[in-house]
Amino acid sequence: MTHRFVRTLLAACLALCGLPAAADDGSARFDFYVLSLSWSPTFCASPQGKDSKEQCGTDKTFGFIVHGLWPQNERGYPEFCASMEPRRVPESLGRDYLDIMPSMGLIGHEWRKHGSCSGLGQKAYLDKTRAAFSRIRLPADIATVTTAQTFTAEQIEQSFIRDNPGLRPDAIAVSCERSRLEEVRICLSKELSFRPCAEVDRKGCTLNRITVPPAR
């Protein structure tokens, strides 16, 4: 039995069962991606983070890490989509991405909630996530702080805009955990070019004093 025959048979079964076959993200049912960059020191100071040894152990010094690459619509977003891929991401696959998403729990959760809606298989989705992260130049004045620093939300956004030609204020949003930097969210097309995202931008933090704690 050839691989082509198996694929044809699977596609026919999916059609009869009313389930979507795996698709390239260009034809998947969402409008764009949000790349969410989490500031790890803020997460690690939280009760949840203190239990995450992979990300927050005493020997870890992560700064910005990838929280996720999220399929997004102009309004709202899909989540936990039906997929022929397994729900669990095997460690043999996920460990190649621990440098940017430093726990298998995070990788698995992001696949189930967001990656399953991308139209991509697990490896293709994780490769897309790495490509999106590689697309971004992290501003040194934010990413390499050695003591706690205070910025406005606009200053953080402007640092990213300055170091990433083509990124505009309507394509980036800062989120806060109380008065600490939580995440920076950047909107990307399916081809990973910068693009505006009114709803994401509108929900951004607007505090005038955001603390950026240093990586240990």
C-alpha atoms as a PDB file:
ATOM      1  CA  MET A   1       0.000   0.000   0.000  1.00  0.00           C
ATOM      2  CA  THR A   2       1.596   3.304  -1.097  1.00  0.00           C
ATOM      3  CA  HIS A   3       1.799   6.469   1.005  1.00  0.00           C
ATOM      4  CA  ARG A   4      -0.190   8.299  -1.680  1.00  0.00           C
ATOM      5  CA  PHE A   5      -3.006   5.769  -1.418  1.00  0.00           C
ATOM      6  CA  VAL A   6      -3.041   6.072   2.357  1.00  0.00           C
ATOM      7  CA  ARG A   7      -3.251   9.878   2.145  1.00  0.00           C
ATOM      8  CA  THR A   8      -6.067   9.656  -0.380  1.00  0.00           C
ATOM      9  CA  LEU A   9      -7.945   7.195   1.804  1.00  0.00           C
ATOM     10  CA  LEU A  10      -7.492   9.414   4.870  1.00  0.00           C
ATOM     11  CA  ALA A  11      -8.709  12.500   3.030  1.00  0.00           C
ATOM     12  CA  ALA A  12     -11.803  10.611   1.838  1.00  0.00           C
ATOM     13  CA  CYS A  13     -12.509   9.451   5.383  1.00  0.00           C
ATOM     14  CA  LEU A  14     -12.180  12.990   6.703  1.00  0.00           C
ATOM     15  CA  ALA A  15     -14.579  14.273   4.074  1.00  0.00           C
ATOM     16  CA  LEU A  16     -17.164  11.591   4.906  1.00  0.00           C
ATOM     17  CA  CYS A  17     -16.807  12.225   8.632  1.00  0.00           C
ATOM     18  CA  GLY A  18     -17.080  15.980   8.236  1.00  0.00           C
ATOM     19  CA  LEU A  19     -13.634  16.642   9.739  1.00  0.00           C
ATOM     20  CA  PRO A  20     -11.054  19.025   8.304  1.00  0.00           C
ATOM     21  CA  ALA A  21      -7.928  17.576   6.731  1.00  0.00           C
ATOM     22  CA  ALA A  22      -4.566  19.121   7.605  1.00  0.00           C
ATOM     23  CA  ALA A  23      -4.055  22.255   5.521  1.00  0.00           C
ATOM     24  CA  ASP A  24      -1.362  24.779   4.838  1.00  0.00           C
ATOM     25  CA  ASP A  25      -1.845  27.773   7.130  1.00  0.00           C
ATOM     26  CA  GLY A  26      -2.541  29.929   4.071  1.00  0.00           C
ATOM     27  CA  SER A  27      -5.946  28.271   3.713  1.00  0.00           C
ATOM     28  CA  ALA A  28      -6.721  27.706   7.406  1.00  0.00           C
ATOM     29  CA  ARG A  29      -9.648  29.649   8.816  1.00  0.00           C
ATOM     30  CA  PHE A  30      -8.008  32.570  10.578  1.00  0.00           C
ATOM     31  CA  ASP A  31      -6.773  35.981   9.526  1.00  0.00           C
ATOM     32  CA  PHE A  32      -3.278  36.364  10.995  1.00  0.00           C
ATOM     33  CA  TYR A  33      -0.942  35.319  13.799  1.00  0.00           C
ATOM     34  CA  VAL A  34      -0.153  36.899  17.145  1.00  0.00           C
ATOM     35  CA  LEU A  35       3.353  36.125  18.371  1.00  0.00           C
ATOM     36  CA  SER A  36       3.229  36.392  22.145  1.00  0.00           C
ATOM     37  CA  LEU A  37       6.605  37.009  23.806  1.00  0.00           C
ATOM     38  CA  SER A  38       6.454  36.429  27.546  1.00  0.00           C
ATOM     39  CA  TRP A  39       8.884  38.150  29.909  1.00  0.00           C
ATOM     40  CA  SER A  40      10.038  35.088  31.840  1.00  0.00           C
ATOM     41  CA  PRO A  41      11.182  36.858  35.068  1.00  0.00           C
ATOM     42  CA  THR A  42       7.621  38.101  35.659  1.00  0.00           C
ATOM     43  CA  PHE A  43       6.183  34.617  35.161  1.00  0.00           C
ATOM     44  CA  CYS A  44       8.853  33.082  37.398  1.00  0.00           C
ATOM     45  CA  ALA A  45       7.955  35.479  40.227  1.00  0.00           C
ATOM     46  CA  SER A  46       4.354  34.219  40.187  1.00  0.00           C
ATOM     47  CA  PRO A  47       3.062  31.258  42.239  1.00  0.00           C
ATOM     48  CA  GLN A  48       2.594  29.267  39.029  1.00  0.00           C
ATOM     49  CA  GLY A  49       6.090  30.045  37.801  1.00  0.00           C
ATOM     50  CA  LYS A  50       7.778  28.989  40.998  1.00  0.00           C
ATOM     51  CA  ASP A  51       6.677  25.416  40.276  1.00  0.00           C
ATOM     52  CA  SER A  52       8.107  25.434  36.724  1.00  0.00           C
ATOM     53  CA  LYS A  53      11.640  24.109  37.122  1.00  0.00           C
ATOM     54  CA  GLU A  54      12.174  23.848  33.361  1.00  0.00           C
ATOM     55  CA  GLN A  55      11.651  27.572  32.916  1.00  0.00           C
ATOM     56  CA  CYS A  56      12.285  28.990  36.376  1.00  0.00           C
ATOM     57  CA  GLY A  57      14.860  26.730  38.047  1.00  0.00           C
ATOM     58  CA  THR A  58      17.729  28.401  39.887  1.00  0.00           C
ATOM     59  CA  ASP A  59      20.018  27.730  36.912  1.00  0.00           C
ATOM     60  CA  LYS A  60      17.639  29.362  34.379  1.00  0.00           C
ATOM     61  CA  THR A  61      18.076  32.928  33.120  1.00  0.00           C
ATOM     62  CA  PHE A  62      15.424  33.270  30.432  1.00  0.00           C
ATOM     63  CA  GLY A  63      14.329  36.735  29.319  1.00  0.00           C
ATOM     64  CA  PHE A  64      11.802  36.858  26.474  1.00  0.00           C
ATOM     65  CA  ILE A  65      10.444  33.430  25.593  1.00  0.00           C
ATOM     66  CA  VAL A  66       7.693  32.435  23.191  1.00  0.00           C
ATOM     67  CA  HIS A  67       4.399  32.067  25.004  1.00  0.00           C
ATOM     68  CA  GLY A  68       2.789  31.072  21.735  1.00  0.00           C
ATOM     69  CA  LEU A  69       2.018  31.726  18.084  1.00  0.00           C
ATOM     70  CA  TRP A  70      -1.733  32.262  18.019  1.00  0.00           C
ATOM     71  CA  PRO A  71      -4.035  32.079  15.002  1.00  0.00           C
ATOM     72  CA  GLN A  72      -6.194  35.200  15.305  1.00  0.00           C
ATOM     73  CA  ASN A  73      -9.180  36.766  13.572  1.00  0.00           C
ATOM     74  CA  GLU A  74      -9.945  40.453  13.245  1.00  0.00           C
ATOM     75  CA  ARG A  75     -12.383  39.793  16.077  1.00  0.00           C
ATOM     76  CA  GLY A  76     -11.741  36.911  18.426  1.00  0.00           C
ATOM     77  CA  TYR A  77      -9.750  33.786  17.741  1.00  0.00           C
ATOM     78  CA  PRO A  78     -10.208  30.037  17.248  1.00  0.00           C
ATOM     79  CA  GLU A  79      -9.034  27.637  19.927  1.00  0.00           C
ATOM     80  CA  PHE A  80      -8.863  23.890  20.632  1.00  0.00           C
ATOM     81  CA  CYS A  81      -9.652  22.959  17.031  1.00  0.00           C
ATOM     82  CA  ALA A  82     -10.243  19.426  15.751  1.00  0.00           C
ATOM     83  CA  SER A  83      -7.031  17.944  14.359  1.00  0.00           C
ATOM     84  CA  MET A  84      -5.809  14.598  13.107  1.00  0.00           C
ATOM     85  CA  GLU A  85      -2.548  15.255  14.960  1.00  0.00           C
ATOM     86  CA  PRO A  86      -2.152  13.780  18.474  1.00  0.00           C
ATOM     87  CA  ARG A  87      -3.033  16.035  21.403  1.00  0.00           C
ATOM     88  CA  ARG A  88       0.297  15.337  23.064  1.00  0.00           C
ATOM     89  CA  VAL A  89       3.533  16.686  21.596  1.00  0.00           C
ATOM     90  CA  PRO A  90       6.182  13.959  21.968  1.00  0.00           C
ATOM     91  CA  GLU A  91       9.312  14.993  23.820  1.00  0.00           C
ATOM     92  CA  SER A  92      11.396  13.748  20.903  1.00  0.00           C
ATOM     93  CA  LEU A  93       9.866  16.588  18.862  1.00  0.00           C
ATOM     94  CA  GLY A  94       9.358  19.270  21.500  1.00  0.00           C
ATOM     95  CA  ARG A  95      12.858  19.212  22.974  1.00  0.00           C
ATOM     96  CA  ASP A  96      14.220  20.897  19.825  1.00  0.00           C
ATOM     97  CA  TYR A  97      12.220  24.015  20.743  1.00  0.00           C
ATOM     98  CA  LEU A  98      12.952  24.242  24.471  1.00  0.00           C
ATOM     99  CA  ASP A  99      15.380  27.094  23.859  1.00  0.00           C
ATOM    100  CA  ILE A 100      12.470  29.376  22.926  1.00  0.00           C
ATOM    101  CA  MET A 101       9.550  27.623  24.713  1.00  0.00           C
ATOM    102  CA  PRO A 102      11.262  26.234  27.791  1.00  0.00           C
ATOM    103  CA  SER A 103       8.873  23.557  29.019  1.00  0.00           C
ATOM    104  CA  MET A 104       7.108  20.611  27.445  1.00  0.00           C
ATOM    105  CA  GLY A 105       3.977  21.608  29.353  1.00  0.00           C
ATOM    106  CA  LEU A 106       3.950  24.988  27.589  1.00  0.00           C
ATOM    107  CA  ILE A 107       4.649  23.438  24.186  1.00  0.00           C
ATOM    108  CA  GLY A 108       1.872  20.890  24.607  1.00  0.00           C
ATOM    109  CA  HIS A 109      -0.661  23.442  25.839  1.00  0.00           C
ATOM    110  CA  GLU A 110       0.092  25.855  23.007  1.00  0.00           C
ATOM    111  CA  TRP A 111      -0.265  23.104  20.434  1.00  0.00           C
ATOM    112  CA  ARG A 112      -3.636  21.970  21.785  1.00  0.00           C
ATOM    113  CA  LYS A 113      -5.130  25.444  22.235  1.00  0.00           C
ATOM    114  CA  HIS A 114      -3.618  27.339  19.309  1.00  0.00           C
ATOM    115  CA  GLY A 115      -1.499  25.149  17.033  1.00  0.00           C
ATOM    116  CA  SER A 116      -4.409  22.815  16.348  1.00  0.00           C
ATOM    117  CA  CYS A 117      -6.154  25.769  14.668  1.00  0.00           C
ATOM    118  CA  SER A 118      -3.238  26.653  12.374  1.00  0.00           C
ATOM    119  CA  GLY A 119      -3.916  24.040   9.704  1.00  0.00           C
ATOM    120  CA  LEU A 120      -0.364  22.768  10.223  1.00  0.00           C
ATOM    121  CA  GLY A 121       1.003  19.560  11.679  1.00  0.00           C
ATOM    122  CA  GLN A 122       2.893  19.682  14.963  1.00  0.00           C
ATOM    123  CA  LYS A 123       6.389  20.011  13.521  1.00  0.00           C
ATOM    124  CA  ALA A 124       5.336  22.537  10.883  1.00  0.00           C
ATOM    125  CA  TYR A 125       3.585  24.623  13.548  1.00  0.00           C
ATOM    126  CA  LEU A 126       6.611  24.566  15.846  1.00  0.00           C
ATOM    127  CA  ASP A 127       8.884  25.437  12.922  1.00  0.00           C
ATOM    128  CA  LYS A 128       6.551  28.334  12.089  1.00  0.00           C
ATOM    129  CA  THR A 129       6.772  29.445  15.713  1.00  0.00           C
ATOM    130  CA  ARG A 130      10.570  29.446  15.586  1.00  0.00           C
ATOM    131  CA  ALA A 131      10.518  31.338  12.290  1.00  0.00           C
ATOM    132  CA  ALA A 132       8.229  33.968  13.806  1.00  0.00           C
ATOM    133  CA  PHE A 133      10.490  34.359  16.844  1.00  0.00           C
ATOM    134  CA  SER A 134      13.543  34.622  14.596  1.00  0.00           C
ATOM    135  CA  ARG A 135      11.755  37.384  12.684  1.00  0.00           C
ATOM    136  CA  ILE A 136      11.885  39.651  15.758  1.00  0.00           C
ATOM    137  CA  ARG A 137      14.918  41.587  16.928  1.00  0.00           C
ATOM    138  CA  LEU A 138      14.693  41.944  20.708  1.00  0.00           C
ATOM    139  CA  PRO A 139      15.641  45.467  21.853  1.00  0.00           C
ATOM    140  CA  ALA A 140      18.660  45.350  24.146  1.00  0.00           C
ATOM    141  CA  ASP A 141      17.412  48.126  26.418  1.00  0.00           C
ATOM    142  CA  ILE A 142      14.501  45.869  27.406  1.00  0.00           C
ATOM    143  CA  ALA A 143      15.791  42.331  26.866  1.00  0.00           C
ATOM    144  CA  THR A 144      19.117  42.645  28.709  1.00  0.00           C
ATOM    145  CA  VAL A 145      18.246  44.621  31.838  1.00  0.00           C
ATOM    146  CA  THR A 146      20.456  43.618  34.786  1.00  0.00           C
ATOM    147  CA  THR A 147      18.485  45.537  37.415  1.00  0.00           C
ATOM    148  CA  ALA A 148      14.774  46.276  37.602  1.00  0.00           C
ATOM    149  CA  GLN A 149      13.885  49.081  35.195  1.00  0.00           C
ATOM    150  CA  THR A 150      10.735  51.136  34.779  1.00  0.00           C
ATOM    151  CA  PHE A 151       9.225  52.081  31.422  1.00  0.00           C
ATOM    152  CA  THR A 152       5.915  53.208  30.038  1.00  0.00           C
ATOM    153  CA  ALA A 153       3.986  50.842  27.779  1.00  0.00           C
ATOM    154  CA  GLU A 154       4.672  53.211  24.894  1.00  0.00           C
ATOM    155  CA  GLN A 155       8.430  53.176  25.557  1.00  0.00           C
ATOM    156  CA  ILE A 156       8.491  49.376  25.436  1.00  0.00           C
ATOM    157  CA  GLU A 157       6.549  49.365  22.179  1.00  0.00           C
ATOM    158  CA  GLN A 158       8.781  52.056  20.690  1.00  0.00           C
ATOM    159  CA  SER A 159      11.904  50.025  21.546  1.00  0.00           C
ATOM    160  CA  PHE A 160      10.564  47.122  19.483  1.00  0.00           C
ATOM    161  CA  ILE A 161       9.454  49.438  16.681  1.00  0.00           C
ATOM    162  CA  ARG A 162      12.891  51.084  16.570  1.00  0.00           C
ATOM    163  CA  ASP A 163      14.706  47.753  16.193  1.00  0.00           C
ATOM    164  CA  ASN A 164      12.244  46.093  13.799  1.00  0.00           C
ATOM    165  CA  PRO A 165      11.826  48.053  10.541  1.00  0.00           C
ATOM    166  CA  GLY A 166       8.260  47.876   9.265  1.00  0.00           C
ATOM    167  CA  LEU A 167       6.714  47.286  12.704  1.00  0.00           C
ATOM    168  CA  ARG A 168       4.092  49.950  13.464  1.00  0.00           C
ATOM    169  CA  PRO A 169       2.331  50.991  16.694  1.00  0.00           C
ATOM    170  CA  ASP A 170      -0.925  49.359  15.539  1.00  0.00           C
ATOM    171  CA  ALA A 171       0.797  45.958  15.193  1.00  0.00           C
ATOM    172  CA  ILE A 172       2.150  45.606  18.721  1.00  0.00           C
ATOM    173  CA  ALA A 173       0.697  45.574  22.226  1.00  0.00           C
ATOM    174  CA  VAL A 174       2.185  45.270  25.705  1.00  0.00           C
ATOM    175  CA  SER A 175       0.389  43.317  28.411  1.00  0.00           C
ATOM    176  CA  CYS A 176       0.958  43.779  32.140  1.00  0.00           C
ATOM    177  CA  GLU A 177       0.755  41.575  35.213  1.00  0.00           C
ATOM    178  CA  ARG A 178      -0.241  44.232  37.716  1.00  0.00           C
ATOM    179  CA  SER A 179       2.575  46.751  37.228  1.00  0.00           C
ATOM    180  CA  ARG A 180       5.114  44.309  35.741  1.00  0.00           C
ATOM    181  CA  LEU A 181       5.813  43.556  32.099  1.00  0.00           C
ATOM    182  CA  GLU A 182       3.998  40.346  31.245  1.00  0.00           C
ATOM    183  CA  GLU A 183       4.122  39.995  27.456  1.00  0.00           C
ATOM    184  CA  VAL A 184       4.748  41.779  24.185  1.00  0.00           C
ATOM    185  CA  ARG A 185       2.344  40.721  21.435  1.00  0.00           C
ATOM    186  CA  ILE A 186       3.237  41.285  17.790  1.00  0.00           C
ATOM    187  CA  CYS A 187       0.846  40.739  14.898  1.00  0.00           C
ATOM    188  CA  LEU A 188       2.098  38.914  11.821  1.00  0.00           C
ATOM    189  CA  SER A 189       0.550  37.816   8.558  1.00  0.00           C
ATOM    190  CA  LYS A 190       0.517  34.138   7.656  1.00  0.00           C
ATOM    191  CA  GLU A 191       3.719  34.883   5.746  1.00  0.00           C
ATOM    192  CA  LEU A 192       5.156  36.457   8.957  1.00  0.00           C
ATOM    193  CA  SER A 193       5.229  40.056   7.823  1.00  0.00           C
ATOM    194  CA  PHE A 194       4.133  42.762  10.257  1.00  0.00           C
ATOM    195  CA  ARG A 195       0.480  43.767   9.967  1.00  0.00           C
ATOM    196  CA  PRO A 196      -2.013  45.876  11.951  1.00  0.00           C
ATOM    197  CA  CYS A 197      -4.398  44.291  14.452  1.00  0.00           C
ATOM    198  CA  ALA A 198      -6.860  46.763  15.933  1.00  0.00           C
ATOM    199  CA  GLU A 199      -8.432  44.455  18.524  1.00  0.00           C
ATOM    200  CA  VAL A 200      -5.096  43.217  19.900  1.00  0.00           C
ATOM    201  CA  ASP A 201      -3.671  46.742  19.979  1.00  0.00           C
ATOM    202  CA  ARG A 202      -6.767  48.102  21.721  1.00  0.00           C
ATOM    203  CA  LYS A 203      -6.431  45.586  24.568  1.00  0.00           C
ATOM    204  CA  GLY A 204      -2.819  46.503  25.331  1.00  0.00           C
ATOM    205  CA  CYS A 205      -1.629  47.833  28.682  1.00  0.00           C
ATOM    206  CA  THR A 206      -1.319  51.628  28.876  1.00  0.00           C
ATOM    207  CA  LEU A 207       0.396  52.059  32.255  1.00  0.00           C
ATOM    208  CA  ASN A 208       2.943  54.832  32.663  1.00  0.00           C
ATOM    209  CA  ARG A 209       5.049  52.767  35.067  1.00  0.00           C
ATOM    210  CA  ILE A 210       5.811  49.174  34.075  1.00  0.00           C
ATOM    211  CA  THR A 211       8.575  47.376  35.919  1.00  0.00           C
ATOM    212  CA  VAL A 212      10.801  45.031  33.945  1.00  0.00           C
ATOM    213  CA  PRO A 213      12.465  42.706  36.468  1.00  0.00           C
ATOM    214  CA  PRO A 214      15.860  41.344  35.401  1.00  0.00           C
ATOM    215  CA  ALA A 215      16.608  37.751  34.477  1.00  0.00           C
ATOM    216  CA  ARG A 216      18.537  36.117  37.282  1.00  0.00           C
END
